Amino acid sequence: MNAEEIMRQVPESPAPVAPQVSPMTEKQKNPEKKTPGSEWLGIMYLIVGLFILIATFQLYFVIQELIRTWISDQFVPVASAIYYIAVIIVGIWLLRDYIRKQ
């Protein structure tokens, strides 16, 4: 067998085949680069968030005591109801805003 006979045996494709799109050929996202102090920053955010949560609960109960102290006894249920409705509205608004951002 010489080189010409070998060339005749190899079939040639009639047209080039276009590559197909696959997950491997699509543009891939660059992985996030973490800085050396990023885990400490996350821990600090968690601690600050915990302090804010504690302060929020304390404020909630302090406002209830202020209503009982400053408002006449006959109007305490009305003022408490208005306060609770305001808390519920703000809570729903915050949840709706959080869900929309997700």
N, C-alpha and C. Protein backbone atom coordinates (compact mmCIF):
# COMPACT_ATOMS: atom_id res chain seq x y z
N MET A 1 0.83 -1.17 0.00
CA MET A 1 0.00 0.00 0.00
C MET A 1 0.87 1.24 0.00
N ASN A 2 0.54 2.11 -0.89
CA ASN A 2 1.27 3.36 -0.92
C ASN A 2 0.38 4.48 -0.38
N ALA A 3 0.88 5.69 -0.36
CA ALA A 3 0.18 6.84 0.21
C ALA A 3 -1.09 7.18 -0.55
N GLU A 4 -1.12 6.97 -1.87
CA GLU A 4 -2.32 7.29 -2.65
C GLU A 4 -3.47 6.36 -2.30
N GLU A 5 -3.18 5.11 -2.10
CA GLU A 5 -4.23 4.16 -1.76
C GLU A 5 -4.80 4.45 -0.36
N ILE A 6 -3.95 4.86 0.54
CA ILE A 6 -4.42 5.20 1.88
C ILE A 6 -5.33 6.42 1.82
N MET A 7 -5.00 7.43 1.03
CA MET A 7 -5.80 8.64 0.89
C MET A 7 -7.15 8.32 0.27
N ARG A 8 -7.22 7.36 -0.64
CA ARG A 8 -8.49 7.00 -1.27
C ARG A 8 -9.41 6.28 -0.29
N GLN A 9 -8.88 5.58 0.68
CA GLN A 9 -9.69 4.83 1.63
C GLN A 9 -10.34 5.72 2.68
N VAL A 10 -9.78 6.88 2.97
CA VAL A 10 -10.32 7.79 3.98
C VAL A 10 -11.48 8.55 3.35
N PRO A 11 -12.72 8.37 3.83
CA PRO A 11 -13.85 9.10 3.23
C PRO A 11 -13.82 10.56 3.66
N GLU A 12 -14.16 11.42 2.76
CA GLU A 12 -14.24 12.86 3.05
C GLU A 12 -15.68 13.22 3.32
N SER A 13 -15.92 14.09 4.30
CA SER A 13 -17.28 14.51 4.58
C SER A 13 -17.70 15.53 3.53
N PRO A 14 -18.94 15.46 3.06
CA PRO A 14 -19.38 16.35 1.99
C PRO A 14 -19.49 17.81 2.42
N ALA A 15 -19.86 18.08 3.68
CA ALA A 15 -20.00 19.46 4.14
C ALA A 15 -19.55 19.54 5.59
N PRO A 16 -19.03 20.70 5.98
CA PRO A 16 -18.63 20.83 7.39
C PRO A 16 -19.86 20.84 8.30
N VAL A 17 -19.72 20.31 9.48
CA VAL A 17 -20.81 20.24 10.45
C VAL A 17 -20.64 21.40 11.43
N ALA A 18 -21.75 22.16 11.61
CA ALA A 18 -21.71 23.29 12.54
C ALA A 18 -21.78 22.76 13.97
N PRO A 19 -21.05 23.39 14.90
CA PRO A 19 -21.11 22.93 16.29
C PRO A 19 -22.46 23.26 16.91
N GLN A 20 -22.92 22.38 17.76
CA GLN A 20 -24.19 22.59 18.43
C GLN A 20 -23.96 23.27 19.76
N VAL A 21 -24.99 24.00 20.23
CA VAL A 21 -24.90 24.68 21.51
C VAL A 21 -25.14 23.65 22.60
N SER A 22 -24.27 23.62 23.54
CA SER A 22 -24.41 22.72 24.68
C SER A 22 -24.03 23.49 25.95
N PRO A 23 -24.31 22.93 27.10
CA PRO A 23 -23.94 23.63 28.33
C PRO A 23 -22.45 23.93 28.42
N MET A 24 -21.64 23.12 27.77
CA MET A 24 -20.20 23.34 27.84
C MET A 24 -19.75 24.47 26.92
N THR A 25 -20.52 24.73 25.84
CA THR A 25 -20.10 25.76 24.91
C THR A 25 -20.68 27.13 25.24
N GLU A 26 -21.71 27.17 26.12
CA GLU A 26 -22.28 28.45 26.51
C GLU A 26 -21.30 29.20 27.40
N LYS A 27 -21.48 30.51 27.45
CA LYS A 27 -20.60 31.35 28.26
C LYS A 27 -20.81 31.01 29.74
N GLN A 28 -19.75 30.70 30.40
CA GLN A 28 -19.84 30.32 31.80
C GLN A 28 -19.51 31.52 32.67
N LYS A 29 -20.18 31.56 33.83
CA LYS A 29 -19.95 32.65 34.78
C LYS A 29 -18.60 32.47 35.45
N ASN A 30 -17.98 33.60 35.72
CA ASN A 30 -16.71 33.54 36.46
C ASN A 30 -17.03 33.28 37.93
N PRO A 31 -16.32 32.41 38.57
CA PRO A 31 -16.57 32.18 40.00
C PRO A 31 -16.20 33.43 40.80
N GLU A 32 -16.98 33.64 41.86
CA GLU A 32 -16.72 34.81 42.69
C GLU A 32 -15.39 34.64 43.42
N LYS A 33 -14.63 35.69 43.40
CA LYS A 33 -13.36 35.67 44.13
C LYS A 33 -13.60 36.19 45.54
N LYS A 34 -13.19 35.41 46.52
CA LYS A 34 -13.37 35.82 47.90
C LYS A 34 -12.09 36.47 48.39
N THR A 35 -12.28 37.59 49.05
CA THR A 35 -11.14 38.26 49.65
C THR A 35 -10.82 37.57 50.97
N PRO A 36 -9.61 37.73 51.47
CA PRO A 36 -9.22 37.03 52.70
C PRO A 36 -10.09 37.34 53.90
N GLY A 37 -10.65 38.54 54.02
CA GLY A 37 -11.45 38.88 55.19
C GLY A 37 -12.93 38.76 54.99
N SER A 38 -13.39 38.15 53.90
CA SER A 38 -14.82 38.12 53.61
C SER A 38 -15.60 37.27 54.61
N GLU A 39 -15.01 36.19 55.15
CA GLU A 39 -15.75 35.39 56.11
C GLU A 39 -15.93 36.15 57.42
N TRP A 40 -14.95 36.97 57.80
CA TRP A 40 -15.10 37.80 59.00
C TRP A 40 -16.15 38.86 58.80
N LEU A 41 -16.22 39.39 57.59
CA LEU A 41 -17.22 40.41 57.28
C LEU A 41 -18.62 39.81 57.39
N GLY A 42 -18.81 38.58 56.93
CA GLY A 42 -20.09 37.90 57.05
C GLY A 42 -20.48 37.67 58.50
N ILE A 43 -19.51 37.30 59.31
CA ILE A 43 -19.77 37.10 60.75
C ILE A 43 -20.16 38.42 61.41
N MET A 44 -19.50 39.49 61.03
CA MET A 44 -19.84 40.81 61.59
C MET A 44 -21.25 41.22 61.20
N TYR A 45 -21.64 40.98 59.94
CA TYR A 45 -23.01 41.28 59.51
C TYR A 45 -24.02 40.47 60.33
N LEU A 46 -23.70 39.23 60.61
CA LEU A 46 -24.59 38.38 61.39
C LEU A 46 -24.74 38.92 62.82
N ILE A 47 -23.64 39.33 63.42
CA ILE A 47 -23.68 39.87 64.79
C ILE A 47 -24.48 41.17 64.84
N VAL A 48 -24.23 42.06 63.87
CA VAL A 48 -24.97 43.34 63.83
C VAL A 48 -26.45 43.07 63.60
N GLY A 49 -26.77 42.12 62.72
CA GLY A 49 -28.17 41.78 62.48
C GLY A 49 -28.84 41.24 63.73
N LEU A 50 -28.11 40.44 64.52
CA LEU A 50 -28.65 39.92 65.78
C LEU A 50 -28.93 41.05 66.76
N PHE A 51 -28.01 42.02 66.87
CA PHE A 51 -28.24 43.17 67.74
C PHE A 51 -29.45 43.99 67.29
N ILE A 52 -29.61 44.14 65.99
CA ILE A 52 -30.77 44.89 65.48
C ILE A 52 -32.06 44.14 65.80
N LEU A 53 -32.05 42.81 65.68
CA LEU A 53 -33.23 42.02 66.00
C LEU A 53 -33.59 42.15 67.48
N ILE A 54 -32.61 42.10 68.36
CA ILE A 54 -32.86 42.25 69.80
C ILE A 54 -33.41 43.63 70.11
N ALA A 55 -32.82 44.66 69.50
CA ALA A 55 -33.30 46.03 69.72
C ALA A 55 -34.72 46.21 69.21
N THR A 56 -35.06 45.54 68.10
CA THR A 56 -36.42 45.65 67.56
C THR A 56 -37.43 45.04 68.52
N PHE A 57 -37.12 43.86 69.08
CA PHE A 57 -38.03 43.25 70.04
C PHE A 57 -38.18 44.12 71.29
N GLN A 58 -37.08 44.66 71.78
CA GLN A 58 -37.17 45.53 72.96
C GLN A 58 -38.00 46.77 72.68
N LEU A 59 -37.83 47.36 71.51
CA LEU A 59 -38.63 48.54 71.14
C LEU A 59 -40.11 48.20 71.06
N TYR A 60 -40.43 47.03 70.53
CA TYR A 60 -41.82 46.60 70.42
C TYR A 60 -42.48 46.55 71.79
N PHE A 61 -41.81 45.95 72.76
CA PHE A 61 -42.40 45.83 74.09
C PHE A 61 -42.37 47.15 74.86
N VAL A 62 -41.38 47.99 74.62
CA VAL A 62 -41.34 49.30 75.28
C VAL A 62 -42.49 50.17 74.80
N ILE A 63 -42.80 50.11 73.51
CA ILE A 63 -43.92 50.91 72.99
C ILE A 63 -45.22 50.44 73.61
N GLN A 64 -45.39 49.13 73.84
CA GLN A 64 -46.59 48.65 74.53
C GLN A 64 -46.70 49.23 75.93
N GLU A 65 -45.59 49.27 76.63
CA GLU A 65 -45.59 49.86 77.98
C GLU A 65 -45.89 51.37 77.93
N LEU A 66 -45.34 52.06 76.93
CA LEU A 66 -45.61 53.49 76.80
C LEU A 66 -47.09 53.75 76.53
N ILE A 67 -47.72 52.90 75.75
CA ILE A 67 -49.16 53.06 75.49
C ILE A 67 -49.93 52.89 76.79
N ARG A 68 -49.57 51.90 77.59
CA ARG A 68 -50.27 51.69 78.87
C ARG A 68 -50.03 52.83 79.85
N THR A 69 -48.85 53.47 79.76
CA THR A 69 -48.51 54.54 80.69
C THR A 69 -49.12 55.88 80.28
N TRP A 70 -49.01 56.25 79.01
CA TRP A 70 -49.40 57.58 78.56
C TRP A 70 -50.87 57.70 78.15
N ILE A 71 -51.50 56.61 77.82
CA ILE A 71 -52.88 56.66 77.33
C ILE A 71 -53.81 56.29 78.47
N SER A 72 -54.96 56.94 78.51
CA SER A 72 -55.97 56.64 79.52
C SER A 72 -56.42 55.19 79.38
N ASP A 73 -56.80 54.57 80.51
CA ASP A 73 -57.13 53.15 80.53
C ASP A 73 -58.23 52.79 79.53
N GLN A 74 -59.17 53.68 79.33
CA GLN A 74 -60.26 53.35 78.42
C GLN A 74 -59.83 53.36 76.94
N PHE A 75 -58.73 54.03 76.62
CA PHE A 75 -58.28 54.09 75.23
C PHE A 75 -57.07 53.18 74.93
N VAL A 76 -56.59 52.45 75.91
CA VAL A 76 -55.44 51.56 75.71
C VAL A 76 -55.74 50.49 74.65
N PRO A 77 -56.91 49.84 74.66
CA PRO A 77 -57.16 48.84 73.60
C PRO A 77 -57.18 49.45 72.19
N VAL A 78 -57.71 50.65 72.05
CA VAL A 78 -57.76 51.30 70.74
C VAL A 78 -56.34 51.64 70.27
N ALA A 79 -55.55 52.24 71.15
CA ALA A 79 -54.18 52.61 70.78
C ALA A 79 -53.35 51.36 70.50
N SER A 80 -53.56 50.29 71.28
CA SER A 80 -52.83 49.04 71.04
C SER A 80 -53.23 48.44 69.69
N ALA A 81 -54.51 48.49 69.36
CA ALA A 81 -54.97 47.94 68.08
C ALA A 81 -54.35 48.72 66.91
N ILE A 82 -54.31 50.03 67.03
CA ILE A 82 -53.69 50.86 65.97
C ILE A 82 -52.21 50.52 65.84
N TYR A 83 -51.54 50.36 66.98
CA TYR A 83 -50.12 50.01 66.97
C TYR A 83 -49.90 48.64 66.32
N TYR A 84 -50.71 47.65 66.68
CA TYR A 84 -50.57 46.31 66.11
C TYR A 84 -50.84 46.30 64.60
N ILE A 85 -51.84 47.05 64.19
CA ILE A 85 -52.14 47.14 62.75
C ILE A 85 -50.97 47.77 62.01
N ALA A 86 -50.37 48.80 62.59
CA ALA A 86 -49.21 49.44 61.95
C ALA A 86 -48.04 48.45 61.85
N VAL A 87 -47.82 47.67 62.90
CA VAL A 87 -46.74 46.67 62.87
C VAL A 87 -47.00 45.62 61.79
N ILE A 88 -48.25 45.17 61.69
CA ILE A 88 -48.60 44.17 60.67
C ILE A 88 -48.41 44.73 59.27
N ILE A 89 -48.84 45.96 59.03
CA ILE A 89 -48.70 46.58 57.70
C ILE A 89 -47.22 46.73 57.33
N VAL A 90 -46.42 47.20 58.26
CA VAL A 90 -44.99 47.36 57.98
C VAL A 90 -44.34 46.00 57.74
N GLY A 91 -44.72 44.99 58.51
CA GLY A 91 -44.17 43.65 58.32
C GLY A 91 -44.53 43.08 56.95
N ILE A 92 -45.78 43.22 56.54
CA ILE A 92 -46.20 42.74 55.22
C ILE A 92 -45.47 43.49 54.12
N TRP A 93 -45.33 44.80 54.28
CA TRP A 93 -44.63 45.59 53.27
C TRP A 93 -43.16 45.16 53.14
N LEU A 94 -42.49 44.91 54.26
CA LEU A 94 -41.10 44.46 54.22
C LEU A 94 -40.97 43.08 53.58
N LEU A 95 -41.88 42.16 53.91
CA LEU A 95 -41.84 40.83 53.31
C LEU A 95 -42.09 40.89 51.80
N ARG A 96 -43.06 41.71 51.39
CA ARG A 96 -43.36 41.85 49.97
C ARG A 96 -42.15 42.43 49.23
N ASP A 97 -41.51 43.41 49.80
CA ASP A 97 -40.34 44.01 49.19
C ASP A 97 -39.20 43.00 49.10
N TYR A 98 -39.02 42.20 50.15
CA TYR A 98 -37.96 41.17 50.15
C TYR A 98 -38.22 40.11 49.10
N ILE A 99 -39.46 39.67 48.98
CA ILE A 99 -39.81 38.64 48.01
C ILE A 99 -39.64 39.15 46.59
N ARG A 100 -39.99 40.39 46.34
CA ARG A 100 -39.82 40.96 44.99
C ARG A 100 -38.35 41.03 44.58
N LYS A 101 -37.47 41.26 45.52
CA LYS A 101 -36.05 41.35 45.21
C LYS A 101 -35.44 39.98 44.93
N GLN A 102 -36.07 38.94 45.43
CA GLN A 102 -35.58 37.59 45.21
C GLN A 102 -35.95 37.19 43.84
